[in-house]
Amino acid sequence: MDLADAKAGEEYIVKDIIAEDEELKAFLFSLGCYSGEPITVISHIRGGCVVSVKDARYTIDTDLAKAISI
């Protein structure tokens, strides 16, 4: 399951980042989004979702959300 399919308000554990683009992986890592890290979907918005990682909130687009396996 990926983050785009996650229920809002639920906490999940990141299993893997599935992307061929190393820049994308590095960007998500810089946000604190890496394997084993808890992540919560705050809400789904058109074109993406709002997530909470390490007490910070980020708006990510659907492509990024689909790259995060939970």
PDB file of N, CA and C in Angstrom:
ATOM      1  N   MET A   1       0.850  -1.172   0.000  1.00  0.00           N
ATOM      2  CA  MET A   1       0.000   0.000   0.000  1.00  0.00           C
ATOM      3  C   MET A   1       0.901   1.242   0.000  1.00  0.00           C
ATOM      4  N   ASP A   2       0.466   2.275  -0.699  1.00  0.00           N
ATOM      5  CA  ASP A   2       1.257   3.504  -0.689  1.00  0.00           C
ATOM      6  C   ASP A   2       0.495   4.608   0.047  1.00  0.00           C
ATOM      7  N   LEU A   3       1.190   5.696   0.290  1.00  0.00           N
ATOM      8  CA  LEU A   3       0.633   6.782   1.094  1.00  0.00           C
ATOM      9  C   LEU A   3      -0.588   7.426   0.442  1.00  0.00           C
ATOM     10  N   ALA A   4      -0.684   7.397  -0.873  1.00  0.00           N
ATOM     11  CA  ALA A   4      -1.831   7.982  -1.567  1.00  0.00           C
ATOM     12  C   ALA A   4      -3.132   7.250  -1.209  1.00  0.00           C
ATOM     13  N   ASP A   5      -3.034   5.980  -0.817  1.00  0.00           N
ATOM     14  CA  ASP A   5      -4.213   5.182  -0.466  1.00  0.00           C
ATOM     15  C   ASP A   5      -4.489   5.142   1.033  1.00  0.00           C
ATOM     16  N   ALA A   6      -3.686   5.831   1.827  1.00  0.00           N
ATOM     17  CA  ALA A   6      -3.814   5.789   3.286  1.00  0.00           C
ATOM     18  C   ALA A   6      -5.033   6.575   3.763  1.00  0.00           C
ATOM     19  N   LYS A   7      -5.578   6.155   4.905  1.00  0.00           N
ATOM     20  CA  LYS A   7      -6.708   6.858   5.516  1.00  0.00           C
ATOM     21  C   LYS A   7      -6.193   8.059   6.287  1.00  0.00           C
ATOM     22  N   ALA A   8      -6.898   9.165   6.183  1.00  0.00           N
ATOM     23  CA  ALA A   8      -6.548  10.373   6.932  1.00  0.00           C
ATOM     24  C   ALA A   8      -6.716  10.121   8.426  1.00  0.00           C
ATOM     25  N   GLY A   9      -5.785  10.622   9.219  1.00  0.00           N
ATOM     26  CA  GLY A   9      -5.848  10.485  10.661  1.00  0.00           C
ATOM     27  C   GLY A   9      -5.178   9.240  11.204  1.00  0.00           C
ATOM     28  N   GLU A  10      -4.721   8.362  10.332  1.00  0.00           N
ATOM     29  CA  GLU A  10      -4.067   7.125  10.756  1.00  0.00           C
ATOM     30  C   GLU A  10      -2.549   7.281  10.710  1.00  0.00           C
ATOM     31  N   GLU A  11      -1.865   6.668  11.681  1.00  0.00           N
ATOM     32  CA  GLU A  11      -0.400   6.655  11.670  1.00  0.00           C
ATOM     33  C   GLU A  11       0.079   5.358  11.023  1.00  0.00           C
ATOM     34  N   TYR A  12       1.058   5.485  10.156  1.00  0.00           N
ATOM     35  CA  TYR A  12       1.629   4.342   9.454  1.00  0.00           C
ATOM     36  C   TYR A  12       3.144   4.361   9.633  1.00  0.00           C
ATOM     37  N   ILE A  13       3.770   3.253   9.308  1.00  0.00           N
ATOM     38  CA  ILE A  13       5.230   3.164   9.325  1.00  0.00           C
ATOM     39  C   ILE A  13       5.695   3.065   7.876  1.00  0.00           C
ATOM     40  N   VAL A  14       6.660   3.905   7.506  1.00  0.00           N
ATOM     41  CA  VAL A  14       7.206   3.870   6.154  1.00  0.00           C
ATOM     42  C   VAL A  14       7.979   2.561   5.979  1.00  0.00           C
ATOM     43  N   LYS A  15       7.606   1.777   4.974  1.00  0.00           N
ATOM     44  CA  LYS A  15       8.304   0.525   4.683  1.00  0.00           C
ATOM     45  C   LYS A  15       9.459   0.746   3.725  1.00  0.00           C
ATOM     46  N   ASP A  16       9.219   1.579   2.701  1.00  0.00           N
ATOM     47  CA  ASP A  16      10.240   1.777   1.679  1.00  0.00           C
ATOM     48  C   ASP A  16       9.875   2.995   0.842  1.00  0.00           C
ATOM     49  N   ILE A  17      10.880   3.545   0.177  1.00  0.00           N
ATOM     50  CA  ILE A  17      10.666   4.601  -0.803  1.00  0.00           C
ATOM     51  C   ILE A  17      10.899   3.958  -2.164  1.00  0.00           C
ATOM     52  N   ILE A  18       9.863   3.910  -2.985  1.00  0.00           N
ATOM     53  CA  ILE A  18       9.943   3.240  -4.278  1.00  0.00           C
ATOM     54  C   ILE A  18      10.025   4.295  -5.369  1.00  0.00           C
ATOM     55  N   ALA A  19      11.254   4.628  -5.743  1.00  0.00           N
ATOM     56  CA  ALA A  19      11.480   5.629  -6.790  1.00  0.00           C
ATOM     57  C   ALA A  19      12.847   5.375  -7.407  1.00  0.00           C
ATOM     58  N   GLU A  20      12.923   5.534  -8.707  1.00  0.00           N
ATOM     59  CA  GLU A  20      14.199   5.369  -9.391  1.00  0.00           C
ATOM     60  C   GLU A  20      15.035   6.642  -9.302  1.00  0.00           C
ATOM     61  N   ASP A  21      14.371   7.762  -9.100  1.00  0.00           N
ATOM     62  CA  ASP A  21      15.033   9.063  -9.036  1.00  0.00           C
ATOM     63  C   ASP A  21      15.722   9.241  -7.685  1.00  0.00           C
ATOM     64  N   GLU A  22      17.048   9.302  -7.687  1.00  0.00           N
ATOM     65  CA  GLU A  22      17.809   9.451  -6.451  1.00  0.00           C
ATOM     66  C   GLU A  22      17.556  10.811  -5.789  1.00  0.00           C
ATOM     67  N   GLU A  23      17.287  11.837  -6.590  1.00  0.00           N
ATOM     68  CA  GLU A  23      16.980  13.159  -6.030  1.00  0.00           C
ATOM     69  C   GLU A  23      15.691  13.109  -5.219  1.00  0.00           C
ATOM     70  N   LEU A  24      14.703  12.375  -5.719  1.00  0.00           N
ATOM     71  CA  LEU A  24      13.439  12.224  -5.010  1.00  0.00           C
ATOM     72  C   LEU A  24      13.665  11.524  -3.679  1.00  0.00           C
ATOM     73  N   LYS A  25      14.440  10.454  -3.690  1.00  0.00           N
ATOM     74  CA  LYS A  25      14.743   9.741  -2.456  1.00  0.00           C
ATOM     75  C   LYS A  25      15.478  10.639  -1.467  1.00  0.00           C
ATOM     76  N   ALA A  26      16.439  11.410  -1.964  1.00  0.00           N
ATOM     77  CA  ALA A  26      17.205  12.314  -1.104  1.00  0.00           C
ATOM     78  C   ALA A  26      16.303  13.398  -0.520  1.00  0.00           C
ATOM     79  N   PHE A  27      15.361  13.903  -1.326  1.00  0.00           N
ATOM     80  CA  PHE A  27      14.428  14.927  -0.844  1.00  0.00           C
ATOM     81  C   PHE A  27      13.555  14.376   0.271  1.00  0.00           C
ATOM     82  N   LEU A  28      12.984  13.198   0.080  1.00  0.00           N
ATOM     83  CA  LEU A  28      12.141  12.599   1.107  1.00  0.00           C
ATOM     84  C   LEU A  28      12.948  12.297   2.370  1.00  0.00           C
ATOM     85  N   PHE A  29      14.188  11.847   2.205  1.00  0.00           N
ATOM     86  CA  PHE A  29      15.060  11.584   3.351  1.00  0.00           C
ATOM     87  C   PHE A  29      15.315  12.873   4.125  1.00  0.00           C
ATOM     88  N   SER A  30      15.492  13.995   3.415  1.00  0.00           N
ATOM     89  CA  SER A  30      15.739  15.276   4.080  1.00  0.00           C
ATOM     90  C   SER A  30      14.526  15.746   4.886  1.00  0.00           C
ATOM     91  N   LEU A  31      13.331  15.286   4.501  1.00  0.00           N
ATOM     92  CA  LEU A  31      12.115  15.598   5.261  1.00  0.00           C
ATOM     93  C   LEU A  31      11.950  14.688   6.478  1.00  0.00           C
ATOM     94  N   GLY A  32      12.784  13.653   6.560  1.00  0.00           N
ATOM     95  CA  GLY A  32      12.669  12.691   7.650  1.00  0.00           C
ATOM     96  C   GLY A  32      11.820  11.502   7.287  1.00  0.00           C
ATOM     97  N   CYS A  33      11.544  11.341   6.017  1.00  0.00           N
ATOM     98  CA  CYS A  33      10.704  10.250   5.533  1.00  0.00           C
ATOM     99  C   CYS A  33      11.590   9.130   4.999  1.00  0.00           C
ATOM    100  N   TYR A  34      11.809   8.122   5.830  1.00  0.00           N
ATOM    101  CA  TYR A  34      12.632   6.978   5.432  1.00  0.00           C
ATOM    102  C   TYR A  34      12.120   5.730   6.132  1.00  0.00           C
ATOM    103  N   SER A  35      12.620   4.592   5.723  1.00  0.00           N
ATOM    104  CA  SER A  35      12.148   3.309   6.220  1.00  0.00           C
ATOM    105  C   SER A  35      12.168   3.243   7.747  1.00  0.00           C
ATOM    106  N   GLY A  36      11.040   2.801   8.322  1.00  0.00           N
ATOM    107  CA  GLY A  36      10.918   2.649   9.765  1.00  0.00           C
ATOM    108  C   GLY A  36      10.376   3.870  10.481  1.00  0.00           C
ATOM    109  N   GLU A  37      10.211   4.976   9.781  1.00  0.00           N
ATOM    110  CA  GLU A  37       9.752   6.232  10.391  1.00  0.00           C
ATOM    111  C   GLU A  37       8.226   6.301  10.387  1.00  0.00           C
ATOM    112  N   PRO A  38       7.608   6.705  11.506  1.00  0.00           N
ATOM    113  CA  PRO A  38       6.150   6.893  11.518  1.00  0.00           C
ATOM    114  C   PRO A  38       5.749   8.103  10.672  1.00  0.00           C
ATOM    115  N   ILE A  39       4.632   7.976   9.983  1.00  0.00           N
ATOM    116  CA  ILE A  39       4.098   9.064   9.160  1.00  0.00           C
ATOM    117  C   ILE A  39       2.580   9.043   9.294  1.00  0.00           C
ATOM    118  N   THR A  40       1.988  10.211   9.377  1.00  0.00           N
ATOM    119  CA  THR A  40       0.543  10.329   9.527  1.00  0.00           C
ATOM    120  C   THR A  40      -0.014  11.182   8.399  1.00  0.00           C
ATOM    121  N   VAL A  41      -1.076  10.701   7.768  1.00  0.00           N
ATOM    122  CA  VAL A  41      -1.777  11.497   6.769  1.00  0.00           C
ATOM    123  C   VAL A  41      -2.780  12.368   7.523  1.00  0.00           C
ATOM    124  N   ILE A  42      -2.586  13.682   7.461  1.00  0.00           N
ATOM    125  CA  ILE A  42      -3.487  14.607   8.134  1.00  0.00           C
ATOM    126  C   ILE A  42      -4.770  14.754   7.323  1.00  0.00           C
ATOM    127  N   SER A  43      -4.621  14.961   6.008  1.00  0.00           N
ATOM    128  CA  SER A  43      -5.784  15.069   5.141  1.00  0.00           C
ATOM    129  C   SER A  43      -5.372  14.860   3.690  1.00  0.00           C
ATOM    130  N   HIS A  44      -6.364  14.479   2.895  1.00  0.00           N
ATOM    131  CA  HIS A  44      -6.160  14.361   1.454  1.00  0.00           C
ATOM    132  C   HIS A  44      -6.685  15.639   0.812  1.00  0.00           C
ATOM    133  N   ILE A  45      -5.905  16.183  -0.090  1.00  0.00           N
ATOM    134  CA  ILE A  45      -6.309  17.379  -0.824  1.00  0.00           C
ATOM    135  C   ILE A  45      -6.212  17.081  -2.307  1.00  0.00           C
ATOM    136  N   ARG A  46      -6.811  17.925  -3.109  1.00  0.00           N
ATOM    137  CA  ARG A  46      -6.751  17.703  -4.552  1.00  0.00           C
ATOM    138  C   ARG A  46      -5.296  17.784  -5.001  1.00  0.00           C
ATOM    139  N   GLY A  47      -4.818  16.736  -5.630  1.00  0.00           N
ATOM    140  CA  GLY A  47      -3.456  16.711  -6.136  1.00  0.00           C
ATOM    141  C   GLY A  47      -2.426  16.212  -5.153  1.00  0.00           C
ATOM    142  N   GLY A  48      -2.847  15.769  -3.970  1.00  0.00           N
ATOM    143  CA  GLY A  48      -1.865  15.271  -3.005  1.00  0.00           C
ATOM    144  C   GLY A  48      -2.452  15.075  -1.626  1.00  0.00           C
ATOM    145  N   CYS A  49      -1.598  15.242  -0.608  1.00  0.00           N
ATOM    146  CA  CYS A  49      -2.046  15.096   0.767  1.00  0.00           C
ATOM    147  C   CYS A  49      -1.138  15.876   1.709  1.00  0.00           C
ATOM    148  N   VAL A  50      -1.647  16.109   2.902  1.00  0.00           N
ATOM    149  CA  VAL A  50      -0.888  16.759   3.959  1.00  0.00           C
ATOM    150  C   VAL A  50      -0.466  15.660   4.922  1.00  0.00           C
ATOM    151  N   VAL A  51       0.834  15.589   5.213  1.00  0.00           N
ATOM    152  CA  VAL A  51       1.352  14.542   6.088  1.00  0.00           C
ATOM    153  C   VAL A  51       2.126  15.153   7.249  1.00  0.00           C
ATOM    154  N   SER A  52       2.243  14.391   8.304  1.00  0.00           N
ATOM    155  CA  SER A  52       3.032  14.781   9.467  1.00  0.00           C
ATOM    156  C   SER A  52       4.164  13.778   9.619  1.00  0.00           C
ATOM    157  N   VAL A  53       5.398  14.311   9.621  1.00  0.00           N
ATOM    158  CA  VAL A  53       6.593  13.494   9.820  1.00  0.00           C
ATOM    159  C   VAL A  53       7.459  14.221  10.838  1.00  0.00           C
ATOM    160  N   LYS A  54       7.811  13.546  11.919  1.00  0.00           N
ATOM    161  CA  LYS A  54       8.687  14.136  12.946  1.00  0.00           C
ATOM    162  C   LYS A  54       8.199  15.509  13.405  1.00  0.00           C
ATOM    163  N   ASP A  55       6.944  15.609  13.786  1.00  0.00           N
ATOM    164  CA  ASP A  55       6.348  16.842  14.306  1.00  0.00           C
ATOM    165  C   ASP A  55       6.353  18.012  13.323  1.00  0.00           C
ATOM    166  N   ALA A  56       6.493  17.739  12.044  1.00  0.00           N
ATOM    167  CA  ALA A  56       6.405  18.773  11.008  1.00  0.00           C
ATOM    168  C   ALA A  56       5.334  18.342  10.012  1.00  0.00           C
ATOM    169  N   ARG A  57       4.675  19.321   9.407  1.00  0.00           N
ATOM    170  CA  ARG A  57       3.637  19.029   8.409  1.00  0.00           C
ATOM    171  C   ARG A  57       4.121  19.449   7.039  1.00  0.00           C
ATOM    172  N   TYR A  58       3.841  18.602   6.058  1.00  0.00           N
ATOM    173  CA  TYR A  58       4.236  18.862   4.682  1.00  0.00           C
ATOM    174  C   TYR A  58       3.065  18.558   3.756  1.00  0.00           C
ATOM    175  N   THR A  59       2.979  19.299   2.686  1.00  0.00           N
ATOM    176  CA  THR A  59       2.036  18.997   1.619  1.00  0.00           C
ATOM    177  C   THR A  59       2.838  18.344   0.515  1.00  0.00           C
ATOM    178  N   ILE A  60       2.447  17.132   0.161  1.00  0.00           N
ATOM    179  CA  ILE A  60       3.159  16.416  -0.896  1.00  0.00           C
ATOM    180  C   ILE A  60       2.180  16.087  -2.016  1.00  0.00           C
ATOM    181  N   ASP A  61       2.698  16.033  -3.237  1.00  0.00           N
ATOM    182  CA  ASP A  61       1.816  15.737  -4.366  1.00  0.00           C
ATOM    183  C   ASP A  61       1.584  14.231  -4.480  1.00  0.00           C
ATOM    184  N   THR A  62       0.688  13.864  -5.351  1.00  0.00           N
ATOM    185  CA  THR A  62       0.300  12.462  -5.501  1.00  0.00           C
ATOM    186  C   THR A  62       1.471  11.580  -5.920  1.00  0.00           C
ATOM    187  N   ASP A  63       2.348  12.085  -6.787  1.00  0.00           N
ATOM    188  CA  ASP A  63       3.504  11.284  -7.219  1.00  0.00           C
ATOM    189  C   ASP A  63       4.411  10.945  -6.042  1.00  0.00           C
ATOM    190  N   LEU A  64       4.656  11.906  -5.168  1.00  0.00           N
ATOM    191  CA  LEU A  64       5.472  11.645  -3.989  1.00  0.00           C
ATOM    192  C   LEU A  64       4.760  10.658  -3.057  1.00  0.00           C
ATOM    193  N   ALA A  65       3.461  10.846  -2.883  1.00  0.00           N
ATOM    194  CA  ALA A  65       2.698   9.959  -2.017  1.00  0.00           C
ATOM    195  C   ALA A  65       2.726   8.522  -2.517  1.00  0.00           C
ATOM    196  N   LYS A  66       2.687   8.343  -3.833  1.00  0.00           N
ATOM    197  CA  LYS A  66       2.721   6.994  -4.413  1.00  0.00           C
ATOM    198  C   LYS A  66       4.092   6.354  -4.286  1.00  0.00           C
ATOM    199  N   ALA A  67       5.124   7.155  -4.085  1.00  0.00           N
ATOM    200  CA  ALA A  67       6.492   6.622  -3.945  1.00  0.00           C
ATOM    201  C   ALA A  67       6.764   6.123  -2.535  1.00  0.00           C
ATOM    202  N   ILE A  68       5.901   6.478  -1.578  1.00  0.00           N
ATOM    203  CA  ILE A  68       6.107   6.104  -0.177  1.00  0.00           C
ATOM    204  C   ILE A  68       5.270   4.867   0.143  1.00  0.00           C
ATOM    205  N   SER A  69       5.936   3.755   0.327  1.00  0.00           N
ATOM    206  CA  SER A  69       5.269   2.493   0.661  1.00  0.00           C
ATOM    207  C   SER A  69       5.093   2.386   2.159  1.00  0.00           C
ATOM    208  N   ILE A  70       3.850   2.059   2.579  1.00  0.00           N
ATOM    209  CA  ILE A  70       3.569   1.942   4.018  1.00  0.00           C
ATOM    210  C   ILE A  70       3.037   0.568   4.336  1.00  0.00           C
TER     211      ILE A  70
END
